[in-house]
């Protein structure tokens, strides 16, 4: 085999191995619903907006699966809560005004909820 063909094959193999490495972990972060009235429920919405379609609702203290992705819808700044830090430190970022966090419902549907109502585990 010609040296140039071997180099091309080696570069192709390296490119394939780099593509198979995910940029973010696919594991979910555990959380629980907090800071709502005992007789109320937290709406899970299709998109991060109070006007978006409600796809589910969770009551106080119910566990919720978080993707780790949160977003301030006013500044359009996204951040991850699964990159370290204590639950209290992450919650201090999540509870700021206009922050929504992505969650997965029990029916495996991705949705969004206000971050200030979810305590990250």
PDB file of N, CA and C in Angstrom:
ATOM      1  N   UNK A   1       0.846  -1.169   0.000  1.00  0.00           N
ATOM      2  CA  UNK A   1       0.000   0.000   0.000  1.00  0.00           C
ATOM      3  C   UNK A   1       0.892   1.232   0.000  1.00  0.00           C
ATOM      4  N   UNK A   2       0.504   2.229  -0.788  1.00  0.00           N
ATOM      5  CA  UNK A   2       1.293   3.449  -0.903  1.00  0.00           C
ATOM      6  C   UNK A   2       1.239   4.233   0.413  1.00  0.00           C
ATOM      7  N   UNK A   3       2.352   4.936   0.742  1.00  0.00           N
ATOM      8  CA  UNK A   3       2.376   5.723   1.975  1.00  0.00           C
ATOM      9  C   UNK A   3       1.268   6.777   2.033  1.00  0.00           C
ATOM     10  N   UNK A   4       0.945   7.391   0.905  1.00  0.00           N
ATOM     11  CA  UNK A   4      -0.099   8.424   0.920  1.00  0.00           C
ATOM     12  C   UNK A   4      -1.470   7.826   1.254  1.00  0.00           C
ATOM     13  N   UNK A   5      -1.739   6.597   0.807  1.00  0.00           N
ATOM     14  CA  UNK A   5      -3.005   5.928   1.107  1.00  0.00           C
ATOM     15  C   UNK A   5      -3.070   5.588   2.595  1.00  0.00           C
ATOM     16  N   UNK A   6      -1.933   5.125   3.150  1.00  0.00           N
ATOM     17  CA  UNK A   6      -1.886   4.815   4.581  1.00  0.00           C
ATOM     18  C   UNK A   6      -2.139   6.064   5.426  1.00  0.00           C
ATOM     19  N   UNK A   7      -1.588   7.182   5.023  1.00  0.00           N
ATOM     20  CA  UNK A   7      -1.798   8.441   5.757  1.00  0.00           C
ATOM     21  C   UNK A   7      -3.261   8.846   5.705  1.00  0.00           C
ATOM     22  N   UNK A   8      -3.876   8.737   4.528  1.00  0.00           N
ATOM     23  CA  UNK A   8      -5.288   9.098   4.380  1.00  0.00           C
ATOM     24  C   UNK A   8      -6.160   8.184   5.238  1.00  0.00           C
ATOM     25  N   UNK A   9      -5.864   6.873   5.246  1.00  0.00           N
ATOM     26  CA  UNK A   9      -6.637   5.935   6.065  1.00  0.00           C
ATOM     27  C   UNK A   9      -6.465   6.232   7.558  1.00  0.00           C
ATOM     28  N   UNK A  10      -5.259   6.560   7.953  1.00  0.00           N
ATOM     29  CA  UNK A  10      -5.015   6.887   9.363  1.00  0.00           C
ATOM     30  C   UNK A  10      -5.757   8.153   9.772  1.00  0.00           C
ATOM     31  N   UNK A  11      -5.766   9.163   8.913  1.00  0.00           N
ATOM     32  CA  UNK A  11      -6.504  10.398   9.206  1.00  0.00           C
ATOM     33  C   UNK A  11      -8.005  10.151   9.256  1.00  0.00           C
ATOM     34  N   UNK A  12      -8.505   9.323   8.361  1.00  0.00           N
ATOM     35  CA  UNK A  12      -9.934   8.991   8.358  1.00  0.00           C
ATOM     36  C   UNK A  12     -10.321   8.258   9.638  1.00  0.00           C
ATOM     37  N   UNK A  13      -9.489   7.321  10.076  1.00  0.00           N
ATOM     38  CA  UNK A  13      -9.769   6.586  11.314  1.00  0.00           C
ATOM     39  C   UNK A  13      -9.757   7.524  12.521  1.00  0.00           C
ATOM     40  N   UNK A  14      -8.839   8.458  12.535  1.00  0.00           N
ATOM     41  CA  UNK A  14      -8.781   9.427  13.636  1.00  0.00           C
ATOM     42  C   UNK A  14     -10.016  10.319  13.636  1.00  0.00           C
ATOM     43  N   UNK A  15     -10.471  10.740  12.470  1.00  0.00           N
ATOM     44  CA  UNK A  15     -11.660  11.594  12.368  1.00  0.00           C
ATOM     45  C   UNK A  15     -12.900  10.863  12.853  1.00  0.00           C
ATOM     46  N   UNK A  16     -13.031   9.592  12.503  1.00  0.00           N
ATOM     47  CA  UNK A  16     -14.187   8.798  12.948  1.00  0.00           C
ATOM     48  C   UNK A  16     -14.162   8.643  14.459  1.00  0.00           C
ATOM     49  N   UNK A  17     -13.018   8.390  15.053  1.00  0.00           N
ATOM     50  CA  UNK A  17     -12.953   8.211  16.504  1.00  0.00           C
ATOM     51  C   UNK A  17     -13.265   9.510  17.237  1.00  0.00           C
ATOM     52  N   UNK A  18     -12.915  10.652  16.673  1.00  0.00           N
ATOM     53  CA  UNK A  18     -13.245  11.931  17.295  1.00  0.00           C
ATOM     54  C   UNK A  18     -14.738  12.213  17.230  1.00  0.00           C
ATOM     55  N   UNK A  19     -15.381  11.824  16.145  1.00  0.00           N
ATOM     56  CA  UNK A  19     -16.808  12.064  15.997  1.00  0.00           C
ATOM     57  C   UNK A  19     -17.634  11.220  16.955  1.00  0.00           C
ATOM     58  N   UNK A  20     -17.150  10.076  17.367  1.00  0.00           N
ATOM     59  CA  UNK A  20     -17.929   9.210  18.242  1.00  0.00           C
ATOM     60  C   UNK A  20     -17.846   9.631  19.707  1.00  0.00           C
ATOM     61  N   UNK A  21     -17.004  10.584  20.031  1.00  0.00           N
ATOM     62  CA  UNK A  21     -16.893  11.072  21.400  1.00  0.00           C
ATOM     63  C   UNK A  21     -17.904  12.193  21.612  1.00  0.00           C
ATOM     64  N   UNK A  22     -18.881  12.005  22.540  1.00  0.00           N
ATOM     65  CA  UNK A  22     -19.899  13.040  22.735  1.00  0.00           C
ATOM     66  C   UNK A  22     -19.328  14.278  23.401  1.00  0.00           C
ATOM     67  N   UNK A  23     -19.899  15.434  23.037  1.00  0.00           N
ATOM     68  CA  UNK A  23     -19.459  16.691  23.626  1.00  0.00           C
ATOM     69  C   UNK A  23     -19.957  16.829  25.060  1.00  0.00           C
ATOM     70  N   UNK A  24     -21.157  16.316  25.339  1.00  0.00           N
ATOM     71  CA  UNK A  24     -21.739  16.394  26.678  1.00  0.00           C
ATOM     72  C   UNK A  24     -22.154  14.997  27.112  1.00  0.00           C
ATOM     73  N   UNK A  25     -22.171  14.783  28.364  1.00  0.00           N
ATOM     74  CA  UNK A  25     -22.619  13.519  28.894  1.00  0.00           C
ATOM     75  C   UNK A  25     -24.104  13.333  28.595  1.00  0.00           C
ATOM     76  N   UNK A  26     -24.510  12.108  28.329  1.00  0.00           N
ATOM     77  CA  UNK A  26     -25.905  11.849  28.036  1.00  0.00           C
ATOM     78  C   UNK A  26     -26.688  11.477  29.290  1.00  0.00           C
ATOM     79  N   UNK A  27     -26.038  11.391  30.429  1.00  0.00           N
ATOM     80  CA  UNK A  27     -26.714  11.026  31.674  1.00  0.00           C
ATOM     81  C   UNK A  27     -27.596  12.173  32.154  1.00  0.00           C
ATOM     82  N   UNK A  28     -28.671  11.809  32.830  1.00  0.00           N
ATOM     83  CA  UNK A  28     -29.575  12.813  33.368  1.00  0.00           C
ATOM     84  C   UNK A  28     -29.193  13.136  34.797  1.00  0.00           C
ATOM     85  N   UNK A  29     -29.548  14.330  35.230  1.00  0.00           N
ATOM     86  CA  UNK A  29     -29.310  14.786  36.589  1.00  0.00           C
ATOM     87  C   UNK A  29     -30.622  14.704  37.356  1.00  0.00           C
ATOM     88  N   UNK A  30     -30.574  14.172  38.545  1.00  0.00           N
ATOM     89  CA  UNK A  30     -31.789  14.058  39.355  1.00  0.00           C
ATOM     90  C   UNK A  30     -32.135  15.403  39.978  1.00  0.00           C
ATOM     91  N   UNK A  31     -33.397  15.632  40.132  1.00  0.00           N
ATOM     92  CA  UNK A  31     -33.885  16.835  40.796  1.00  0.00           C
ATOM     93  C   UNK A  31     -35.210  16.539  41.455  1.00  0.00           C
ATOM     94  N   UNK A  32     -35.712  17.487  42.202  1.00  0.00           N
ATOM     95  CA  UNK A  32     -37.036  17.342  42.794  1.00  0.00           C
ATOM     96  C   UNK A  32     -37.732  18.701  42.780  1.00  0.00           C
ATOM     97  N   UNK A  33     -39.052  18.654  42.698  1.00  0.00           N
ATOM     98  CA  UNK A  33     -39.849  19.869  42.628  1.00  0.00           C
ATOM     99  C   UNK A  33     -39.887  20.520  44.004  1.00  0.00           C
ATOM    100  N   UNK A  34     -39.618  21.820  44.036  1.00  0.00           N
ATOM    101  CA  UNK A  34     -39.554  22.561  45.291  1.00  0.00           C
ATOM    102  C   UNK A  34     -40.183  23.940  45.108  1.00  0.00           C
ATOM    103  N   UNK A  35     -40.393  24.635  46.208  1.00  0.00           N
ATOM    104  CA  UNK A  35     -40.806  26.045  46.228  1.00  0.00           C
ATOM    105  C   UNK A  35     -42.159  26.304  45.565  1.00  0.00           C
ATOM    106  N   UNK A  36     -43.053  25.296  45.578  1.00  0.00           N
ATOM    107  CA  UNK A  36     -44.424  25.538  45.135  1.00  0.00           C
ATOM    108  C   UNK A  36     -45.362  25.177  46.279  1.00  0.00           C
ATOM    109  N   UNK A  37     -46.569  25.662  46.226  1.00  0.00           N
ATOM    110  CA  UNK A  37     -47.562  25.363  47.262  1.00  0.00           C
ATOM    111  C   UNK A  37     -47.914  23.872  47.230  1.00  0.00           C
ATOM    112  N   UNK A  38     -48.223  23.292  48.393  1.00  0.00           N
ATOM    113  CA  UNK A  38     -48.545  21.855  48.450  1.00  0.00           C
ATOM    114  C   UNK A  38     -49.719  21.447  47.554  1.00  0.00           C
ATOM    115  N   UNK A  39     -50.633  22.365  47.298  1.00  0.00           N
ATOM    116  CA  UNK A  39     -51.795  22.039  46.470  1.00  0.00           C
ATOM    117  C   UNK A  39     -51.627  22.524  45.022  1.00  0.00           C
ATOM    118  N   UNK A  40     -50.412  22.880  44.636  1.00  0.00           N
ATOM    119  CA  UNK A  40     -50.136  23.392  43.294  1.00  0.00           C
ATOM    120  C   UNK A  40     -49.313  22.364  42.517  1.00  0.00           C
ATOM    121  N   UNK A  41     -49.036  22.651  41.260  1.00  0.00           N
ATOM    122  CA  UNK A  41     -48.202  21.781  40.428  1.00  0.00           C
ATOM    123  C   UNK A  41     -47.331  22.651  39.529  1.00  0.00           C
ATOM    124  N   UNK A  42     -46.157  22.145  39.224  1.00  0.00           N
ATOM    125  CA  UNK A  42     -45.237  22.826  38.312  1.00  0.00           C
ATOM    126  C   UNK A  42     -45.515  22.349  36.897  1.00  0.00           C
ATOM    127  N   UNK A  43     -45.838  23.288  36.018  1.00  0.00           N
ATOM    128  CA  UNK A  43     -46.095  22.945  34.622  1.00  0.00           C
ATOM    129  C   UNK A  43     -44.792  22.684  33.881  1.00  0.00           C
ATOM    130  N   UNK A  44     -44.766  21.582  33.153  1.00  0.00           N
ATOM    131  CA  UNK A  44     -43.665  21.274  32.252  1.00  0.00           C
ATOM    132  C   UNK A  44     -44.147  21.688  30.869  1.00  0.00           C
ATOM    133  N   UNK A  45     -43.376  22.534  30.211  1.00  0.00           N
ATOM    134  CA  UNK A  45     -43.818  23.108  28.940  1.00  0.00           C
ATOM    135  C   UNK A  45     -42.960  22.625  27.778  1.00  0.00           C
ATOM    136  N   UNK A  46     -43.532  22.685  26.607  1.00  0.00           N
ATOM    137  CA  UNK A  46     -42.853  22.229  25.384  1.00  0.00           C
ATOM    138  C   UNK A  46     -41.587  23.044  25.115  1.00  0.00           C
ATOM    139  N   UNK A  47     -41.649  24.355  25.321  1.00  0.00           N
ATOM    140  CA  UNK A  47     -40.528  25.281  25.097  1.00  0.00           C
ATOM    141  C   UNK A  47     -40.349  26.148  26.330  1.00  0.00           C
ATOM    142  N   UNK A  48     -39.204  26.794  26.506  1.00  0.00           N
ATOM    143  CA  UNK A  48     -38.978  27.643  27.693  1.00  0.00           C
ATOM    144  C   UNK A  48     -39.726  28.973  27.608  1.00  0.00           C
ATOM    145  N   UNK A  49     -41.027  28.913  27.832  1.00  0.00           N
ATOM    146  CA  UNK A  49     -41.874  30.102  27.780  1.00  0.00           C
ATOM    147  C   UNK A  49     -43.154  29.831  28.563  1.00  0.00           C
ATOM    148  N   UNK A  50     -43.624  30.819  29.301  1.00  0.00           N
ATOM    149  CA  UNK A  50     -44.869  30.680  30.053  1.00  0.00           C
ATOM    150  C   UNK A  50     -46.078  30.557  29.132  1.00  0.00           C
ATOM    151  N   UNK A  51     -45.926  30.913  27.876  1.00  0.00           N
ATOM    152  CA  UNK A  51     -47.023  30.807  26.918  1.00  0.00           C
ATOM    153  C   UNK A  51     -46.981  29.489  26.121  1.00  0.00           C
ATOM    154  N   UNK A  52     -45.963  28.673  26.337  1.00  0.00           N
ATOM    155  CA  UNK A  52     -45.812  27.432  25.601  1.00  0.00           C
ATOM    156  C   UNK A  52     -46.811  26.369  26.084  1.00  0.00           C
ATOM    157  N   UNK A  53     -47.040  25.385  25.239  1.00  0.00           N
ATOM    158  CA  UNK A  53     -47.956  24.286  25.541  1.00  0.00           C
ATOM    159  C   UNK A  53     -47.505  23.514  26.779  1.00  0.00           C
ATOM    160  N   UNK A  54     -48.444  23.217  27.678  1.00  0.00           N
ATOM    161  CA  UNK A  54     -48.161  22.405  28.859  1.00  0.00           C
ATOM    162  C   UNK A  54     -48.202  20.936  28.442  1.00  0.00           C
ATOM    163  N   UNK A  55     -47.119  20.195  28.731  1.00  0.00           N
ATOM    164  CA  UNK A  55     -47.069  18.782  28.364  1.00  0.00           C
ATOM    165  C   UNK A  55     -47.174  17.857  29.571  1.00  0.00           C
ATOM    166  N   UNK A  56     -46.972  18.406  30.780  1.00  0.00           N
ATOM    167  CA  UNK A  56     -47.090  17.615  32.008  1.00  0.00           C
ATOM    168  C   UNK A  56     -47.111  18.574  33.190  1.00  0.00           C
ATOM    169  N   UNK A  57     -47.394  18.063  34.373  1.00  0.00           N
ATOM    170  CA  UNK A  57     -47.368  18.870  35.600  1.00  0.00           C
ATOM    171  C   UNK A  57     -46.879  17.985  36.740  1.00  0.00           C
ATOM    172  N   UNK A  58     -46.002  18.525  37.573  1.00  0.00           N
ATOM    173  CA  UNK A  58     -45.408  17.770  38.677  1.00  0.00           C
ATOM    174  C   UNK A  58     -45.740  18.454  39.993  1.00  0.00           C
ATOM    175  N   UNK A  59     -46.115  17.656  40.987  1.00  0.00           N
ATOM    176  CA  UNK A  59     -46.442  18.200  42.304  1.00  0.00           C
ATOM    177  C   UNK A  59     -45.184  18.338  43.176  1.00  0.00           C
ATOM    178  N   UNK A  60     -45.352  19.005  44.304  1.00  0.00           N
ATOM    179  CA  UNK A  60     -44.262  19.278  45.245  1.00  0.00           C
ATOM    180  C   UNK A  60     -43.548  17.989  45.649  1.00  0.00           C
ATOM    181  N   UNK A  61     -42.231  18.048  45.701  1.00  0.00           N
ATOM    182  CA  UNK A  61     -41.323  16.962  46.109  1.00  0.00           C
ATOM    183  C   UNK A  61     -41.243  15.798  45.123  1.00  0.00           C
ATOM    184  N   UNK A  62     -41.889  15.880  44.008  1.00  0.00           N
ATOM    185  CA  UNK A  62     -41.818  14.797  43.027  1.00  0.00           C
ATOM    186  C   UNK A  62     -40.451  14.818  42.349  1.00  0.00           C
ATOM    187  N   UNK A  63     -39.842  13.644  42.157  1.00  0.00           N
ATOM    188  CA  UNK A  63     -38.555  13.602  41.449  1.00  0.00           C
ATOM    189  C   UNK A  63     -38.734  13.942  39.973  1.00  0.00           C
ATOM    190  N   UNK A  64     -37.694  14.536  39.409  1.00  0.00           N
ATOM    191  CA  UNK A  64     -37.714  14.909  38.001  1.00  0.00           C
ATOM    192  C   UNK A  64     -36.325  14.659  37.419  1.00  0.00           C
ATOM    193  N   UNK A  65     -36.284  14.219  36.160  1.00  0.00           N
ATOM    194  CA  UNK A  65     -35.015  13.997  35.459  1.00  0.00           C
ATOM    195  C   UNK A  65     -34.669  15.248  34.672  1.00  0.00           C
ATOM    196  N   UNK A  66     -33.488  15.792  34.943  1.00  0.00           N
ATOM    197  CA  UNK A  66     -33.024  16.994  34.259  1.00  0.00           C
ATOM    198  C   UNK A  66     -31.933  16.620  33.261  1.00  0.00           C
ATOM    199  N   UNK A  67     -31.922  17.308  32.122  1.00  0.00           N
ATOM    200  CA  UNK A  67     -30.870  17.044  31.132  1.00  0.00           C
ATOM    201  C   UNK A  67     -29.562  17.733  31.518  1.00  0.00           C
ATOM    202  N   UNK A  68     -29.625  18.675  32.447  1.00  0.00           N
ATOM    203  CA  UNK A  68     -28.449  19.445  32.840  1.00  0.00           C
ATOM    204  C   UNK A  68     -28.373  20.788  32.147  1.00  0.00           C
ATOM    205  N   UNK A  69     -29.223  21.004  31.158  1.00  0.00           N
ATOM    206  CA  UNK A  69     -29.203  22.239  30.365  1.00  0.00           C
ATOM    207  C   UNK A  69     -30.207  23.244  30.930  1.00  0.00           C
ATOM    208  N   UNK A  70     -29.739  24.456  31.170  1.00  0.00           N
ATOM    209  CA  UNK A  70     -30.602  25.554  31.612  1.00  0.00           C
ATOM    210  C   UNK A  70     -30.329  26.762  30.723  1.00  0.00           C
ATOM    211  N   UNK A  71     -31.325  27.655  30.652  1.00  0.00           N
ATOM    212  CA  UNK A  71     -31.188  28.801  29.762  1.00  0.00           C
ATOM    213  C   UNK A  71     -31.928  30.001  30.333  1.00  0.00           C
ATOM    214  N   UNK A  72     -31.261  31.166  30.302  1.00  0.00           N
ATOM    215  CA  UNK A  72     -31.916  32.424  30.630  1.00  0.00           C
ATOM    216  C   UNK A  72     -32.559  32.926  29.348  1.00  0.00           C
ATOM    217  N   UNK A  73     -33.883  32.990  29.309  1.00  0.00           N
ATOM    218  CA  UNK A  73     -34.564  33.317  28.057  1.00  0.00           C
ATOM    219  C   UNK A  73     -34.499  34.804  27.713  1.00  0.00           C
ATOM    220  N   UNK A  74     -34.102  35.655  28.650  1.00  0.00           N
ATOM    221  CA  UNK A  74     -33.964  37.084  28.356  1.00  0.00           C
ATOM    222  C   UNK A  74     -32.587  37.370  27.749  1.00  0.00           C
ATOM    223  N   UNK A  75     -31.531  36.860  28.382  1.00  0.00           N
ATOM    224  CA  UNK A  75     -30.176  37.111  27.890  1.00  0.00           C
ATOM    225  C   UNK A  75     -29.740  36.101  26.833  1.00  0.00           C
ATOM    226  N   UNK A  76     -30.515  35.006  26.670  1.00  0.00           N
ATOM    227  CA  UNK A  76     -30.214  33.930  25.734  1.00  0.00           C
ATOM    228  C   UNK A  76     -28.897  33.233  26.074  1.00  0.00           C
ATOM    229  N   UNK A  77     -28.556  33.199  27.362  1.00  0.00           N
ATOM    230  CA  UNK A  77     -27.337  32.539  27.818  1.00  0.00           C
ATOM    231  C   UNK A  77     -27.706  31.169  28.379  1.00  0.00           C
ATOM    232  N   UNK A  78     -27.078  30.128  27.851  1.00  0.00           N
ATOM    233  CA  UNK A  78     -27.293  28.763  28.327  1.00  0.00           C
ATOM    234  C   UNK A  78     -26.142  28.366  29.236  1.00  0.00           C
ATOM    235  N   UNK A  79     -26.435  27.476  30.179  1.00  0.00           N
ATOM    236  CA  UNK A  79     -25.385  26.927  31.042  1.00  0.00           C
ATOM    237  C   UNK A  79     -25.774  25.513  31.440  1.00  0.00           C
ATOM    238  N   UNK A  80     -24.806  24.774  31.949  1.00  0.00           N
ATOM    239  CA  UNK A  80     -25.030  23.390  32.372  1.00  0.00           C
ATOM    240  C   UNK A  80     -24.886  23.302  33.878  1.00  0.00           C
ATOM    241  N   UNK A  81     -25.774  22.535  34.500  1.00  0.00           N
ATOM    242  CA  UNK A  81     -25.678  22.350  35.946  1.00  0.00           C
ATOM    243  C   UNK A  81     -25.025  21.019  36.301  1.00  0.00           C
ATOM    244  N   UNK A  82     -24.697  20.220  35.303  1.00  0.00           N
ATOM    245  CA  UNK A  82     -24.088  18.912  35.567  1.00  0.00           C
ATOM    246  C   UNK A  82     -22.568  18.932  35.419  1.00  0.00           C
ATOM    247  N   UNK A  83     -21.982  20.120  35.433  1.00  0.00           N
ATOM    248  CA  UNK A  83     -20.529  20.231  35.291  1.00  0.00           C
ATOM    249  C   UNK A  83     -19.821  20.411  36.633  1.00  0.00           C
ATOM    250  N   UNK A  84     -20.529  20.183  37.707  1.00  0.00           N
ATOM    251  CA  UNK A  84     -19.902  20.284  39.021  1.00  0.00           C
ATOM    252  C   UNK A  84     -20.560  21.338  39.876  1.00  0.00           C
ATOM    253  N   UNK A  85     -20.045  21.488  41.053  1.00  0.00           N
ATOM    254  CA  UNK A  85     -20.622  22.425  42.004  1.00  0.00           C
ATOM    255  C   UNK A  85     -21.660  21.736  42.873  1.00  0.00           C
ATOM    256  N   UNK A  86     -21.915  22.323  44.026  1.00  0.00           N
ATOM    257  CA  UNK A  86     -22.892  21.739  44.943  1.00  0.00           C
ATOM    258  C   UNK A  86     -24.304  21.998  44.449  1.00  0.00           C
ATOM    259  N   UNK A  87     -25.265  21.280  45.018  1.00  0.00           N
ATOM    260  CA  UNK A  87     -26.673  21.483  44.655  1.00  0.00           C
ATOM    261  C   UNK A  87     -27.082  22.923  44.975  1.00  0.00           C
ATOM    262  N   UNK A  88     -26.631  23.451  46.125  1.00  0.00           N
ATOM    263  CA  UNK A  88     -26.961  24.829  46.500  1.00  0.00           C
ATOM    264  C   UNK A  88     -26.400  25.848  45.517  1.00  0.00           C
ATOM    265  N   UNK A  89     -25.171  25.628  45.055  1.00  0.00           N
ATOM    266  CA  UNK A  89     -24.559  26.549  44.097  1.00  0.00           C
ATOM    267  C   UNK A  89     -25.301  26.498  42.769  1.00  0.00           C
ATOM    268  N   UNK A  90     -25.631  25.279  42.301  1.00  0.00           N
ATOM    269  CA  UNK A  90     -26.383  25.151  41.049  1.00  0.00           C
ATOM    270  C   UNK A  90     -27.759  25.791  41.170  1.00  0.00           C
ATOM    271  N   UNK A  91     -28.437  25.578  42.310  1.00  0.00           N
ATOM    272  CA  UNK A  91     -29.764  26.165  42.505  1.00  0.00           C
ATOM    273  C   UNK A  91     -29.688  27.689  42.508  1.00  0.00           C
ATOM    274  N   UNK A  92     -28.612  28.255  43.027  1.00  0.00           N
ATOM    275  CA  UNK A  92     -28.484  29.717  43.026  1.00  0.00           C
ATOM    276  C   UNK A  92     -28.444  30.266  41.601  1.00  0.00           C
ATOM    277  N   UNK A  93     -27.909  29.499  40.665  1.00  0.00           N
ATOM    278  CA  UNK A  93     -27.927  29.914  39.251  1.00  0.00           C
ATOM    279  C   UNK A  93     -29.285  29.647  38.612  1.00  0.00           C
ATOM    280  N   UNK A  94     -29.910  28.533  38.998  1.00  0.00           N
ATOM    281  CA  UNK A  94     -31.185  28.142  38.401  1.00  0.00           C
ATOM    282  C   UNK A  94     -32.342  29.036  38.846  1.00  0.00           C
ATOM    283  N   UNK A  95     -32.289  29.560  40.074  1.00  0.00           N
ATOM    284  CA  UNK A  95     -33.433  30.297  40.597  1.00  0.00           C
ATOM    285  C   UNK A  95     -33.480  31.764  40.156  1.00  0.00           C
ATOM    286  N   UNK A  96     -32.513  32.189  39.379  1.00  0.00           N
ATOM    287  CA  UNK A  96     -32.530  33.563  38.882  1.00  0.00           C
ATOM    288  C   UNK A  96     -33.714  33.770  37.943  1.00  0.00           C
ATOM    289  N   UNK A  97     -34.147  35.006  37.824  1.00  0.00           N
ATOM    290  CA  UNK A  97     -35.297  35.333  36.981  1.00  0.00           C
ATOM    291  C   UNK A  97     -35.065  34.882  35.540  1.00  0.00           C
ATOM    292  N   UNK A  98     -36.093  34.361  34.941  1.00  0.00           N
ATOM    293  CA  UNK A  98     -36.121  34.001  33.517  1.00  0.00           C
ATOM    294  C   UNK A  98     -35.277  32.787  33.161  1.00  0.00           C
ATOM    295  N   UNK A  99     -34.869  31.975  34.140  1.00  0.00           N
ATOM    296  CA  UNK A  99     -34.095  30.767  33.848  1.00  0.00           C
ATOM    297  C   UNK A  99     -35.040  29.569  33.771  1.00  0.00           C
ATOM    298  N   UNK A 100     -34.927  28.838  32.683  1.00  0.00           N
ATOM    299  CA  UNK A 100     -35.693  27.615  32.463  1.00  0.00           C
ATOM    300  C   UNK A 100     -34.700  26.469  32.330  1.00  0.00           C
ATOM    301  N   UNK A 101     -35.080  25.281  32.816  1.00  0.00           N
ATOM    302  CA  UNK A 101     -34.218  24.107  32.719  1.00  0.00           C
ATOM    303  C   UNK A 101     -34.953  22.995  31.971  1.00  0.00           C
ATOM    304  N   UNK A 102     -34.206  22.269  31.171  1.00  0.00           N
ATOM    305  CA  UNK A 102     -34.784  21.197  30.378  1.00  0.00           C
ATOM    306  C   UNK A 102     -34.920  19.936  31.220  1.00  0.00           C
ATOM    307  N   UNK A 103     -36.071  19.300  31.125  1.00  0.00           N
ATOM    308  CA  UNK A 103     -36.360  18.087  31.890  1.00  0.00           C
ATOM    309  C   UNK A 103     -36.918  17.024  30.942  1.00  0.00           C
ATOM    310  N   UNK A 104     -36.937  15.785  31.432  1.00  0.00           N
ATOM    311  CA  UNK A 104     -37.591  14.711  30.690  1.00  0.00           C
ATOM    312  C   UNK A 104     -38.741  14.195  31.532  1.00  0.00           C
ATOM    313  N   UNK A 105     -39.927  14.136  30.930  1.00  0.00           N
ATOM    314  CA  UNK A 105     -41.113  13.661  31.635  1.00  0.00           C
ATOM    315  C   UNK A 105     -41.064  12.139  31.782  1.00  0.00           C
ATOM    316  N   UNK A 106     -41.993  11.609  32.555  1.00  0.00           N
ATOM    317  CA  UNK A 106     -42.084  10.156  32.724  1.00  0.00           C
ATOM    318  C   UNK A 106     -42.420   9.456  31.415  1.00  0.00           C
ATOM    319  N   UNK A 107     -43.007  10.195  30.465  1.00  0.00           N
ATOM    320  CA  UNK A 107     -43.318   9.647  29.143  1.00  0.00           C
ATOM    321  C   UNK A 107     -42.177   9.841  28.152  1.00  0.00           C
ATOM    322  N   UNK A 108     -40.995  10.176  28.657  1.00  0.00           N
ATOM    323  CA  UNK A 108     -39.771  10.363  27.852  1.00  0.00           C
ATOM    324  C   UNK A 108     -39.893  11.505  26.851  1.00  0.00           C
ATOM    325  N   UNK A 109     -40.635  12.542  27.228  1.00  0.00           N
ATOM    326  CA  UNK A 109     -40.760  13.721  26.371  1.00  0.00           C
ATOM    327  C   UNK A 109     -39.928  14.846  26.984  1.00  0.00           C
ATOM    328  N   UNK A 110     -39.115  15.508  26.156  1.00  0.00           N
ATOM    329  CA  UNK A 110     -38.323  16.628  26.641  1.00  0.00           C
ATOM    330  C   UNK A 110     -39.213  17.856  26.772  1.00  0.00           C
ATOM    331  N   UNK A 111     -39.030  18.585  27.877  1.00  0.00           N
ATOM    332  CA  UNK A 111     -39.784  19.806  28.114  1.00  0.00           C
ATOM    333  C   UNK A 111     -38.953  20.761  28.944  1.00  0.00           C
ATOM    334  N   UNK A 112     -39.569  21.868  29.353  1.00  0.00           N
ATOM    335  CA  UNK A 112     -38.865  22.907  30.090  1.00  0.00           C
ATOM    336  C   UNK A 112     -39.686  23.329  31.304  1.00  0.00           C
ATOM    337  N   UNK A 113     -38.993  23.647  32.388  1.00  0.00           N
ATOM    338  CA  UNK A 113     -39.644  24.133  33.605  1.00  0.00           C
ATOM    339  C   UNK A 113     -38.805  25.263  34.190  1.00  0.00           C
ATOM    340  N   UNK A 114     -39.464  26.149  34.917  1.00  0.00           N
ATOM    341  CA  UNK A 114     -38.729  27.235  35.568  1.00  0.00           C
ATOM    342  C   UNK A 114     -37.733  26.651  36.556  1.00  0.00           C
ATOM    343  N   UNK A 115     -36.493  27.086  36.451  1.00  0.00           N
ATOM    344  CA  UNK A 115     -35.423  26.554  37.275  1.00  0.00           C
ATOM    345  C   UNK A 115     -35.610  26.776  38.766  1.00  0.00           C
ATOM    346  N   UNK A 116     -36.266  27.860  39.146  1.00  0.00           N
ATOM    347  CA  UNK A 116     -36.394  28.158  40.581  1.00  0.00           C
ATOM    348  C   UNK A 116     -37.302  27.178  41.301  1.00  0.00           C
ATOM    349  N   UNK A 117     -38.007  26.322  40.567  1.00  0.00           N
ATOM    350  CA  UNK A 117     -38.894  25.348  41.188  1.00  0.00           C
ATOM    351  C   UNK A 117     -38.325  23.930  41.179  1.00  0.00           C
ATOM    352  N   UNK A 118     -37.056  23.782  40.808  1.00  0.00           N
ATOM    353  CA  UNK A 118     -36.409  22.471  40.781  1.00  0.00           C
ATOM    354  C   UNK A 118     -35.147  22.509  41.639  1.00  0.00           C
ATOM    355  N   UNK A 119     -35.053  21.600  42.584  1.00  0.00           N
ATOM    356  CA  UNK A 119     -33.838  21.476  43.396  1.00  0.00           C
ATOM    357  C   UNK A 119     -32.972  20.386  42.792  1.00  0.00           C
ATOM    358  N   UNK A 120     -31.756  20.724  42.328  1.00  0.00           N
ATOM    359  CA  UNK A 120     -30.870  19.694  41.738  1.00  0.00           C
ATOM    360  C   UNK A 120     -30.266  18.827  42.831  1.00  0.00           C
ATOM    361  N   UNK A 121     -30.247  17.544  42.610  1.00  0.00           N
ATOM    362  CA  UNK A 121     -29.677  16.599  43.602  1.00  0.00           C
ATOM    363  C   UNK A 121     -28.178  16.521  43.453  1.00  0.00           C
TER     364      UNK A 121
END
